[in-house]
Amino acid sequence: MNVSTENGIIWLSHQSDVLRKPDQVPGYHKLSEDHQKLFTAFLNNFYRSWEFPEKHLPKKVKYIADKIPYLRINCEDGNWLHILSPTRWY
């Protein structure tokens, strides 16, 4: 869930814990503008898909120019994901 404030958006879990915003994830500022938009949209969906998203916070993001390009995130829980779109990741 995100909440608008005078200073922007605060990302909150269902338990009202403050979640890491996209621009707070290391590697975000190295992404192109289009990839930043993709990551922001993905992160909004990703947080909503977990009952306790605070347990799956991203700790790093980077663009991978592979045969099928993707964004890769590493999570604090040790998992990693390939992001293909705001709604498709594995």
PDB file of N, CA and C in Angstrom:
ATOM      1  N   MET A   1       0.858  -1.169   0.000  1.00  0.00           N
ATOM      2  CA  MET A   1       0.000   0.000   0.000  1.00  0.00           C
ATOM      3  C   MET A   1       0.900   1.225   0.000  1.00  0.00           C
ATOM      4  N   ASN A   2       0.475   2.290  -0.687  1.00  0.00           N
ATOM      5  CA  ASN A   2       1.214   3.528  -0.583  1.00  0.00           C
ATOM      6  C   ASN A   2       0.254   4.640  -0.213  1.00  0.00           C
ATOM      7  N   VAL A   3       0.785   5.639   0.477  1.00  0.00           N
ATOM      8  CA  VAL A   3       0.000   6.742   0.990  1.00  0.00           C
ATOM      9  C   VAL A   3       0.645   8.033   0.514  1.00  0.00           C
ATOM     10  N   SER A   4      -0.137   8.931  -0.052  1.00  0.00           N
ATOM     11  CA  SER A   4       0.404  10.210  -0.492  1.00  0.00           C
ATOM     12  C   SER A   4       0.513  11.161   0.692  1.00  0.00           C
ATOM     13  N   THR A   5       1.594  11.912   0.703  1.00  0.00           N
ATOM     14  CA  THR A   5       1.802  12.944   1.718  1.00  0.00           C
ATOM     15  C   THR A   5       2.261  14.202   0.999  1.00  0.00           C
ATOM     16  N   GLU A   6       2.488  15.257   1.746  1.00  0.00           N
ATOM     17  CA  GLU A   6       2.981  16.488   1.136  1.00  0.00           C
ATOM     18  C   GLU A   6       4.357  16.273   0.512  1.00  0.00           C
ATOM     19  N   ASN A   7       5.150  15.380   1.058  1.00  0.00           N
ATOM     20  CA  ASN A   7       6.514  15.144   0.591  1.00  0.00           C
ATOM     21  C   ASN A   7       6.620  13.986  -0.389  1.00  0.00           C
ATOM     22  N   GLY A   8       5.526  13.448  -0.873  1.00  0.00           N
ATOM     23  CA  GLY A   8       5.584  12.336  -1.809  1.00  0.00           C
ATOM     24  C   GLY A   8       4.777  11.154  -1.329  1.00  0.00           C
ATOM     25  N   ILE A   9       5.274   9.954  -1.622  1.00  0.00           N
ATOM     26  CA  ILE A   9       4.562   8.723  -1.282  1.00  0.00           C
ATOM     27  C   ILE A   9       5.325   7.965  -0.214  1.00  0.00           C
ATOM     28  N   ILE A  10       4.614   7.460   0.758  1.00  0.00           N
ATOM     29  CA  ILE A  10       5.178   6.570   1.771  1.00  0.00           C
ATOM     30  C   ILE A  10       4.645   5.178   1.463  1.00  0.00           C
ATOM     31  N   TRP A  11       5.521   4.212   1.368  1.00  0.00           N
ATOM     32  CA  TRP A  11       5.132   2.833   1.075  1.00  0.00           C
ATOM     33  C   TRP A  11       4.963   2.122   2.407  1.00  0.00           C
ATOM     34  N   LEU A  12       3.777   1.561   2.657  1.00  0.00           N
ATOM     35  CA  LEU A  12       3.465   0.908   3.923  1.00  0.00           C
ATOM     36  C   LEU A  12       3.041  -0.534   3.706  1.00  0.00           C
ATOM     37  N   SER A  13       3.399  -1.399   4.674  1.00  0.00           N
ATOM     38  CA  SER A  13       2.919  -2.782   4.662  1.00  0.00           C
ATOM     39  C   SER A  13       1.521  -2.808   5.265  1.00  0.00           C
ATOM     40  N   HIS A  14       0.897  -3.982   5.250  1.00  0.00           N
ATOM     41  CA  HIS A  14      -0.424  -4.138   5.867  1.00  0.00           C
ATOM     42  C   HIS A  14      -0.363  -3.886   7.369  1.00  0.00           C
ATOM     43  N   GLN A  15       0.825  -4.060   7.939  1.00  0.00           N
ATOM     44  CA  GLN A  15       1.033  -3.839   9.368  1.00  0.00           C
ATOM     45  C   GLN A  15       1.453  -2.395   9.651  1.00  0.00           C
ATOM     46  N   SER A  16       1.410  -1.547   8.629  1.00  0.00           N
ATOM     47  CA  SER A  16       1.805  -0.133   8.705  1.00  0.00           C
ATOM     48  C   SER A  16       3.294   0.071   8.921  1.00  0.00           C
ATOM     49  N   ASP A  17       4.112  -0.928   8.552  1.00  0.00           N
ATOM     50  CA  ASP A  17       5.561  -0.753   8.566  1.00  0.00           C
ATOM     51  C   ASP A  17       5.954   0.009   7.308  1.00  0.00           C
ATOM     52  N   VAL A  18       6.883   0.943   7.432  1.00  0.00           N
ATOM     53  CA  VAL A  18       7.351   1.692   6.280  1.00  0.00           C
ATOM     54  C   VAL A  18       8.247   0.779   5.445  1.00  0.00           C
ATOM     55  N   LEU A  19       7.957   0.687   4.146  1.00  0.00           N
ATOM     56  CA  LEU A  19       8.707  -0.161   3.224  1.00  0.00           C
ATOM     57  C   LEU A  19       9.678   0.700   2.419  1.00  0.00           C
ATOM     58  N   ARG A  20      10.705   0.065   1.894  1.00  0.00           N
ATOM     59  CA  ARG A  20      11.703   0.754   1.083  1.00  0.00           C
ATOM     60  C   ARG A  20      11.070   1.255  -0.208  1.00  0.00           C
ATOM     61  N   LYS A  21      11.259   2.537  -0.507  1.00  0.00           N
ATOM     62  CA  LYS A  21      10.770   3.118  -1.759  1.00  0.00           C
ATOM     63  C   LYS A  21      11.712   2.721  -2.888  1.00  0.00           C
ATOM     64  N   PRO A  22      11.227   2.752  -4.126  1.00  0.00           N
ATOM     65  CA  PRO A  22      12.069   2.341  -5.256  1.00  0.00           C
ATOM     66  C   PRO A  22      13.399   3.077  -5.314  1.00  0.00           C
ATOM     67  N   ASP A  23      13.379   4.394  -5.111  1.00  0.00           N
ATOM     68  CA  ASP A  23      14.621   5.163  -5.222  1.00  0.00           C
ATOM     69  C   ASP A  23      15.562   4.968  -4.037  1.00  0.00           C
ATOM     70  N   GLN A  24      15.153   4.188  -3.057  1.00  0.00           N
ATOM     71  CA  GLN A  24      16.013   3.857  -1.921  1.00  0.00           C
ATOM     72  C   GLN A  24      16.746   2.530  -2.116  1.00  0.00           C
ATOM     73  N   VAL A  25      16.433   1.830  -3.200  1.00  0.00           N
ATOM     74  CA  VAL A  25      17.069   0.541  -3.483  1.00  0.00           C
ATOM     75  C   VAL A  25      18.365   0.803  -4.250  1.00  0.00           C
ATOM     76  N   PRO A  26      19.513   0.349  -3.726  1.00  0.00           N
ATOM     77  CA  PRO A  26      20.782   0.549  -4.441  1.00  0.00           C
ATOM     78  C   PRO A  26      20.693   0.026  -5.877  1.00  0.00           C
ATOM     79  N   GLY A  27      21.190   0.828  -6.804  1.00  0.00           N
ATOM     80  CA  GLY A  27      21.157   0.485  -8.220  1.00  0.00           C
ATOM     81  C   GLY A  27      20.049   1.210  -8.972  1.00  0.00           C
ATOM     82  N   TYR A  28      19.052   1.703  -8.265  1.00  0.00           N
ATOM     83  CA  TYR A  28      17.911   2.369  -8.898  1.00  0.00           C
ATOM     84  C   TYR A  28      18.361   3.542  -9.761  1.00  0.00           C
ATOM     85  N   HIS A  29      19.245   4.373  -9.253  1.00  0.00           N
ATOM     86  CA  HIS A  29      19.658   5.582  -9.966  1.00  0.00           C
ATOM     87  C   HIS A  29      20.549   5.281 -11.169  1.00  0.00           C
ATOM     88  N   LYS A  30      21.033   4.042 -11.294  1.00  0.00           N
ATOM     89  CA  LYS A  30      21.812   3.633 -12.461  1.00  0.00           C
ATOM     90  C   LYS A  30      20.913   3.146 -13.602  1.00  0.00           C
ATOM     91  N   LEU A  31      19.632   2.926 -13.309  1.00  0.00           N
ATOM     92  CA  LEU A  31      18.680   2.456 -14.320  1.00  0.00           C
ATOM     93  C   LEU A  31      18.261   3.605 -15.233  1.00  0.00           C
ATOM     94  N   SER A  32      17.874   3.274 -16.459  1.00  0.00           N
ATOM     95  CA  SER A  32      17.315   4.285 -17.359  1.00  0.00           C
ATOM     96  C   SER A  32      15.969   4.748 -16.783  1.00  0.00           C
ATOM     97  N   GLU A  33      15.464   5.839 -17.305  1.00  0.00           N
ATOM     98  CA  GLU A  33      14.172   6.356 -16.832  1.00  0.00           C
ATOM     99  C   GLU A  33      13.059   5.329 -17.041  1.00  0.00           C
ATOM    100  N   ASP A  34      13.066   4.654 -18.203  1.00  0.00           N
ATOM    101  CA  ASP A  34      12.049   3.620 -18.461  1.00  0.00           C
ATOM    102  C   ASP A  34      12.161   2.454 -17.482  1.00  0.00           C
ATOM    103  N   HIS A  35      13.380   2.063 -17.160  1.00  0.00           N
ATOM    104  CA  HIS A  35      13.570   0.958 -16.216  1.00  0.00           C
ATOM    105  C   HIS A  35      13.218   1.387 -14.798  1.00  0.00           C
ATOM    106  N   GLN A  36      13.434   2.645 -14.465  1.00  0.00           N
ATOM    107  CA  GLN A  36      13.002   3.143 -13.153  1.00  0.00           C
ATOM    108  C   GLN A  36      11.481   3.075 -13.034  1.00  0.00           C
ATOM    109  N   LYS A  37      10.776   3.442 -14.109  1.00  0.00           N
ATOM    110  CA  LYS A  37       9.308   3.363 -14.103  1.00  0.00           C
ATOM    111  C   LYS A  37       8.842   1.913 -13.982  1.00  0.00           C
ATOM    112  N   LEU A  38       9.504   1.024 -14.711  1.00  0.00           N
ATOM    113  CA  LEU A  38       9.182  -0.404 -14.629  1.00  0.00           C
ATOM    114  C   LEU A  38       9.390  -0.915 -13.210  1.00  0.00           C
ATOM    115  N   PHE A  39      10.525  -0.587 -12.607  1.00  0.00           N
ATOM    116  CA  PHE A  39      10.825  -1.058 -11.259  1.00  0.00           C
ATOM    117  C   PHE A  39       9.827  -0.505 -10.244  1.00  0.00           C
ATOM    118  N   THR A  40       9.451   0.759 -10.382  1.00  0.00           N
ATOM    119  CA  THR A  40       8.479   1.365  -9.465  1.00  0.00           C
ATOM    120  C   THR A  40       7.134   0.666  -9.564  1.00  0.00           C
ATOM    121  N   ALA A  41       6.662   0.420 -10.791  1.00  0.00           N
ATOM    122  CA  ALA A  41       5.380  -0.274 -10.982  1.00  0.00           C
ATOM    123  C   ALA A  41       5.465  -1.702 -10.461  1.00  0.00           C
ATOM    124  N   PHE A  42       6.582  -2.385 -10.751  1.00  0.00           N
ATOM    125  CA  PHE A  42       6.782  -3.744 -10.243  1.00  0.00           C
ATOM    126  C   PHE A  42       6.733  -3.758  -8.717  1.00  0.00           C
ATOM    127  N   LEU A  43       7.469  -2.843  -8.093  1.00  0.00           N
ATOM    128  CA  LEU A  43       7.578  -2.861  -6.633  1.00  0.00           C
ATOM    129  C   LEU A  43       6.220  -2.652  -5.977  1.00  0.00           C
ATOM    130  N   ASN A  44       5.396  -1.797  -6.561  1.00  0.00           N
ATOM    131  CA  ASN A  44       4.047  -1.604  -6.041  1.00  0.00           C
ATOM    132  C   ASN A  44       3.269  -2.920  -6.076  1.00  0.00           C
ATOM    133  N   ASN A  45       3.325  -3.643  -7.191  1.00  0.00           N
ATOM    134  CA  ASN A  45       2.645  -4.944  -7.299  1.00  0.00           C
ATOM    135  C   ASN A  45       3.285  -5.992  -6.393  1.00  0.00           C
ATOM    136  N   PHE A  46       4.604  -5.997  -6.338  1.00  0.00           N
ATOM    137  CA  PHE A  46       5.344  -6.964  -5.537  1.00  0.00           C
ATOM    138  C   PHE A  46       4.976  -6.841  -4.061  1.00  0.00           C
ATOM    139  N   TYR A  47       4.984  -5.624  -3.537  1.00  0.00           N
ATOM    140  CA  TYR A  47       4.616  -5.422  -2.133  1.00  0.00           C
ATOM    141  C   TYR A  47       3.182  -5.878  -1.869  1.00  0.00           C
ATOM    142  N   ARG A  48       2.295  -5.639  -2.801  1.00  0.00           N
ATOM    143  CA  ARG A  48       0.888  -6.026  -2.609  1.00  0.00           C
ATOM    144  C   ARG A  48       0.678  -7.534  -2.676  1.00  0.00           C
ATOM    145  N   SER A  49       1.624  -8.260  -3.263  1.00  0.00           N
ATOM    146  CA  SER A  49       1.450  -9.703  -3.413  1.00  0.00           C
ATOM    147  C   SER A  49       1.820 -10.482  -2.153  1.00  0.00           C
ATOM    148  N   TRP A  50       2.423  -9.837  -1.187  1.00  0.00           N
ATOM    149  CA  TRP A  50       2.856 -10.507   0.047  1.00  0.00           C
ATOM    150  C   TRP A  50       1.999 -10.075   1.228  1.00  0.00           C
ATOM    151  N   GLU A  51       1.719 -11.014   2.113  1.00  0.00           N
ATOM    152  CA  GLU A  51       1.021 -10.660   3.344  1.00  0.00           C
ATOM    153  C   GLU A  51       1.946  -9.839   4.238  1.00  0.00           C
ATOM    154  N   PHE A  52       3.240 -10.187   4.238  1.00  0.00           N
ATOM    155  CA  PHE A  52       4.231  -9.477   5.038  1.00  0.00           C
ATOM    156  C   PHE A  52       5.380  -9.037   4.133  1.00  0.00           C
ATOM    157  N   PRO A  53       5.179  -7.986   3.328  1.00  0.00           N
ATOM    158  CA  PRO A  53       6.201  -7.576   2.362  1.00  0.00           C
ATOM    159  C   PRO A  53       7.496  -7.105   3.007  1.00  0.00           C
ATOM    160  N   GLU A  54       7.437  -6.694   4.261  1.00  0.00           N
ATOM    161  CA  GLU A  54       8.650  -6.237   4.947  1.00  0.00           C
ATOM    162  C   GLU A  54       9.687  -7.355   5.085  1.00  0.00           C
ATOM    163  N   LYS A  55       9.268  -8.615   4.884  1.00  0.00           N
ATOM    164  CA  LYS A  55      10.195  -9.745   4.942  1.00  0.00           C
ATOM    165  C   LYS A  55      10.889  -9.995   3.607  1.00  0.00           C
ATOM    166  N   HIS A  56      10.494  -9.270   2.555  1.00  0.00           N
ATOM    167  CA  HIS A  56      11.011  -9.515   1.203  1.00  0.00           C
ATOM    168  C   HIS A  56      11.531  -8.231   0.550  1.00  0.00           C
ATOM    169  N   LEU A  57      12.091  -7.339   1.336  1.00  0.00           N
ATOM    170  CA  LEU A  57      12.534  -6.054   0.798  1.00  0.00           C
ATOM    171  C   LEU A  57      13.678  -6.222  -0.204  1.00  0.00           C
ATOM    172  N   PRO A  58      13.612  -5.496  -1.317  1.00  0.00           N
ATOM    173  CA  PRO A  58      14.721  -5.549  -2.270  1.00  0.00           C
ATOM    174  C   PRO A  58      15.929  -4.811  -1.709  1.00  0.00           C
ATOM    175  N   LYS A  59      17.113  -5.386  -1.907  1.00  0.00           N
ATOM    176  CA  LYS A  59      18.314  -4.712  -1.422  1.00  0.00           C
ATOM    177  C   LYS A  59      19.216  -4.241  -2.554  1.00  0.00           C
ATOM    178  N   LYS A  60      18.897  -4.628  -3.807  1.00  0.00           N
ATOM    179  CA  LYS A  60      19.697  -4.222  -4.954  1.00  0.00           C
ATOM    180  C   LYS A  60      18.909  -4.491  -6.229  1.00  0.00           C
ATOM    181  N   VAL A  61      19.057  -3.596  -7.212  1.00  0.00           N
ATOM    182  CA  VAL A  61      18.410  -3.783  -8.516  1.00  0.00           C
ATOM    183  C   VAL A  61      19.421  -3.439  -9.607  1.00  0.00           C
ATOM    184  N   LYS A  62      19.365  -4.199 -10.712  1.00  0.00           N
ATOM    185  CA  LYS A  62      20.210  -3.863 -11.857  1.00  0.00           C
ATOM    186  C   LYS A  62      19.576  -4.394 -13.138  1.00  0.00           C
ATOM    187  N   TYR A  63      19.926  -3.754 -14.240  1.00  0.00           N
ATOM    188  CA  TYR A  63      19.455  -4.149 -15.553  1.00  0.00           C
ATOM    189  C   TYR A  63      20.396  -5.201 -16.122  1.00  0.00           C
ATOM    190  N   ILE A  64      19.834  -6.268 -16.691  1.00  0.00           N
ATOM    191  CA  ILE A  64      20.605  -7.330 -17.328  1.00  0.00           C
ATOM    192  C   ILE A  64      20.217  -7.351 -18.812  1.00  0.00           C
ATOM    193  N   ALA A  65      21.195  -7.065 -19.685  1.00  0.00           N
ATOM    194  CA  ALA A  65      20.956  -7.053 -21.136  1.00  0.00           C
ATOM    195  C   ALA A  65      21.231  -8.445 -21.676  1.00  0.00           C
ATOM    196  N   ASP A  66      20.308  -9.346 -21.464  1.00  0.00           N
ATOM    197  CA  ASP A  66      20.432 -10.732 -21.895  1.00  0.00           C
ATOM    198  C   ASP A  66      19.624 -10.915 -23.186  1.00  0.00           C
ATOM    199  N   LYS A  67      19.527 -12.152 -23.655  1.00  0.00           N
ATOM    200  CA  LYS A  67      18.714 -12.460 -24.841  1.00  0.00           C
ATOM    201  C   LYS A  67      17.299 -11.922 -24.643  1.00  0.00           C
ATOM    202  N   ILE A  68      16.748 -12.148 -23.470  1.00  0.00           N
ATOM    203  CA  ILE A  68      15.500 -11.515 -23.036  1.00  0.00           C
ATOM    204  C   ILE A  68      15.890 -10.594 -21.886  1.00  0.00           C
ATOM    205  N   PRO A  69      15.977  -9.274 -22.117  1.00  0.00           N
ATOM    206  CA  PRO A  69      16.423  -8.340 -21.071  1.00  0.00           C
ATOM    207  C   PRO A  69      15.471  -8.341 -19.874  1.00  0.00           C
ATOM    208  N   TYR A  70      16.028  -8.081 -18.703  1.00  0.00           N
ATOM    209  CA  TYR A  70      15.223  -8.051 -17.484  1.00  0.00           C
ATOM    210  C   TYR A  70      15.918  -7.211 -16.424  1.00  0.00           C
ATOM    211  N   LEU A  71      15.164  -6.870 -15.386  1.00  0.00           N
ATOM    212  CA  LEU A  71      15.737  -6.279 -14.188  1.00  0.00           C
ATOM    213  C   LEU A  71      15.904  -7.397 -13.184  1.00  0.00           C
ATOM    214  N   ARG A  72      17.011  -7.390 -12.485  1.00  0.00           N
ATOM    215  CA  ARG A  72      17.235  -8.394 -11.449  1.00  0.00           C
ATOM    216  C   ARG A  72      17.258  -7.685 -10.104  1.00  0.00           C
ATOM    217  N   ILE A  73      16.498  -8.225  -9.152  1.00  0.00           N
ATOM    218  CA  ILE A  73      16.596  -7.708  -7.786  1.00  0.00           C
ATOM    219  C   ILE A  73      17.063  -8.823  -6.868  1.00  0.00           C
ATOM    220  N   ASN A  74      17.845  -8.423  -5.908  1.00  0.00           N
ATOM    221  CA  ASN A  74      18.229  -9.299  -4.811  1.00  0.00           C
ATOM    222  C   ASN A  74      17.466  -8.817  -3.593  1.00  0.00           C
ATOM    223  N   CYS A  75      16.854  -9.739  -2.868  1.00  0.00           N
ATOM    224  CA  CYS A  75      16.065  -9.393  -1.689  1.00  0.00           C
ATOM    225  C   CYS A  75      16.861  -9.660  -0.419  1.00  0.00           C
ATOM    226  N   GLU A  76      16.473  -8.982   0.637  1.00  0.00           N
ATOM    227  CA  GLU A  76      17.148  -9.168   1.924  1.00  0.00           C
ATOM    228  C   GLU A  76      17.006 -10.577   2.462  1.00  0.00           C
ATOM    229  N   ASP A  77      15.952 -11.303   2.046  1.00  0.00           N
ATOM    230  CA  ASP A  77      15.747 -12.662   2.531  1.00  0.00           C
ATOM    231  C   ASP A  77      16.590 -13.692   1.775  1.00  0.00           C
ATOM    232  N   GLY A  78      17.458 -13.206   0.831  1.00  0.00           N
ATOM    233  CA  GLY A  78      18.329 -14.106   0.086  1.00  0.00           C
ATOM    234  C   GLY A  78      17.781 -14.524  -1.266  1.00  0.00           C
ATOM    235  N   ASN A  79      16.520 -14.276  -1.522  1.00  0.00           N
ATOM    236  CA  ASN A  79      15.932 -14.601  -2.820  1.00  0.00           C
ATOM    237  C   ASN A  79      16.313 -13.557  -3.857  1.00  0.00           C
ATOM    238  N   TRP A  80      16.184 -13.910  -5.120  1.00  0.00           N
ATOM    239  CA  TRP A  80      16.386 -12.963  -6.207  1.00  0.00           C
ATOM    240  C   TRP A  80      15.305 -13.204  -7.245  1.00  0.00           C
ATOM    241  N   LEU A  81      15.021 -12.169  -8.032  1.00  0.00           N
ATOM    242  CA  LEU A  81      13.957 -12.243  -9.021  1.00  0.00           C
ATOM    243  C   LEU A  81      14.387 -11.599 -10.326  1.00  0.00           C
ATOM    244  N   HIS A  82      13.843 -12.112 -11.430  1.00  0.00           N
ATOM    245  CA  HIS A  82      13.970 -11.499 -12.745  1.00  0.00           C
ATOM    246  C   HIS A  82      12.647 -10.799 -13.024  1.00  0.00           C
ATOM    247  N   ILE A  83      12.695  -9.516 -13.331  1.00  0.00           N
ATOM    248  CA  ILE A  83      11.491  -8.724 -13.585  1.00  0.00           C
ATOM    249  C   ILE A  83      11.361  -8.510 -15.085  1.00  0.00           C
ATOM    250  N   LEU A  84      10.258  -8.980 -15.641  1.00  0.00           N
ATOM    251  CA  LEU A  84       9.999  -8.814 -17.072  1.00  0.00           C
ATOM    252  C   LEU A  84       9.000  -7.690 -17.354  1.00  0.00           C
ATOM    253  N   SER A  85       8.103  -7.467 -16.421  1.00  0.00           N
ATOM    254  CA  SER A  85       7.096  -6.396 -16.545  1.00  0.00           C
ATOM    255  C   SER A  85       6.593  -6.090 -15.133  1.00  0.00           C
ATOM    256  N   PRO A  86       5.761  -5.080 -14.980  1.00  0.00           N
ATOM    257  CA  PRO A  86       5.238  -4.795 -13.637  1.00  0.00           C
ATOM    258  C   PRO A  86       4.465  -5.950 -13.006  1.00  0.00           C
ATOM    259  N   THR A  87       3.965  -6.863 -13.858  1.00  0.00           N
ATOM    260  CA  THR A  87       3.159  -7.976 -13.337  1.00  0.00           C
ATOM    261  C   THR A  87       3.746  -9.343 -13.607  1.00  0.00           C
ATOM    262  N   ARG A  88       4.921  -9.402 -14.262  1.00  0.00           N
ATOM    263  CA  ARG A  88       5.544 -10.688 -14.571  1.00  0.00           C
ATOM    264  C   ARG A  88       6.960 -10.727 -14.034  1.00  0.00           C
ATOM    265  N   TRP A  89       7.171 -11.655 -13.105  1.00  0.00           N
ATOM    266  CA  TRP A  89       8.500 -11.867 -12.570  1.00  0.00           C
ATOM    267  C   TRP A  89       8.639 -13.317 -12.149  1.00  0.00           C
ATOM    268  N   TYR A  90       9.868 -13.764 -12.062  1.00  0.00           N
ATOM    269  CA  TYR A  90      10.128 -15.145 -11.625  1.00  0.00           C
ATOM    270  C   TYR A  90      11.446 -15.207 -10.884  1.00  0.00           C
TER     271      TYR A  90
END
